[in-house]
Amino acid sequence: MLKWSVILLLVALIAGVFGFFNILVGAAVTVAKVLFFLFLALFVISLFTGRRGRSM
């Protein structure tokens, strides 16, 4: 899990640099939108299929 958070941090930093210096602005925005909706969908799926506590 820590590995994924570090990878996403690096992706966010790279996208921030691209946006700050106006490098590939259109591409960075498109990638950010795709990643946002992808992780939003994965989050919603994980809410329904996540691990549940022990039932008594």
Protein backbone atom coordinates (compact mmCIF):
# COMPACT_ATOMS: atom_id res chain seq x y z
CA MET A 1 0.00 0.00 0.00
CA LEU A 2 2.85 2.36 0.80
CA LYS A 3 4.36 1.60 -2.60
CA TRP A 4 1.18 2.79 -4.35
CA SER A 5 1.02 5.98 -2.33
CA VAL A 6 4.62 6.82 -3.27
CA ILE A 7 3.93 6.12 -6.95
CA LEU A 8 0.83 8.32 -6.91
CA LEU A 9 2.75 11.06 -5.11
CA LEU A 10 5.37 11.04 -7.85
CA VAL A 11 2.70 11.14 -10.55
CA ALA A 12 1.02 14.07 -8.80
CA LEU A 13 4.31 15.95 -8.48
CA ILE A 14 5.12 15.43 -12.16
CA ALA A 15 1.64 16.59 -13.17
CA GLY A 16 2.05 19.62 -10.90
CA VAL A 17 5.36 20.55 -12.55
CA PHE A 18 3.78 20.20 -15.99
CA GLY A 19 0.90 22.44 -14.96
CA PHE A 20 3.10 25.02 -13.24
CA PHE A 21 5.40 25.48 -16.22
CA ASN A 22 2.65 25.04 -18.86
CA ILE A 23 4.38 21.98 -20.32
CA LEU A 24 1.99 19.71 -22.19
CA VAL A 25 -0.96 21.38 -20.50
CA GLY A 26 -3.60 19.64 -22.60
CA ALA A 27 -2.05 16.21 -22.10
CA ALA A 28 -1.58 16.72 -18.36
CA VAL A 29 -5.20 17.77 -17.91
CA THR A 30 -6.42 14.78 -19.88
CA VAL A 31 -4.27 12.37 -17.88
CA ALA A 32 -5.43 13.96 -14.61
CA LYS A 33 -9.09 13.59 -15.59
CA VAL A 34 -8.65 9.96 -16.60
CA LEU A 35 -6.79 9.11 -13.39
CA PHE A 36 -9.37 10.93 -11.27
CA PHE A 37 -12.29 8.98 -12.69
CA LEU A 38 -10.35 5.72 -12.63
CA PHE A 39 -9.51 6.03 -8.95
CA LEU A 40 -13.00 7.27 -8.14
CA ALA A 41 -14.45 4.15 -9.75
CA LEU A 42 -11.95 1.92 -7.92
CA PHE A 43 -12.85 3.62 -4.64
CA VAL A 44 -16.57 3.02 -5.12
CA ILE A 45 -15.93 -0.60 -6.08
CA SER A 46 -13.75 -1.10 -3.01
CA LEU A 47 -16.53 0.27 -0.79
CA PHE A 48 -18.83 -2.53 -1.87
CA THR A 49 -16.31 -5.36 -2.12
CA GLY A 50 -13.94 -4.40 0.68
CA ARG A 51 -13.11 -6.60 3.59
CA ARG A 52 -15.75 -6.80 6.23
CA GLY A 53 -15.37 -7.45 9.93
CA ARG A 54 -16.14 -10.79 11.48
CA SER A 55 -19.85 -11.44 11.83
CA MET A 56 -21.10 -12.85 15.08
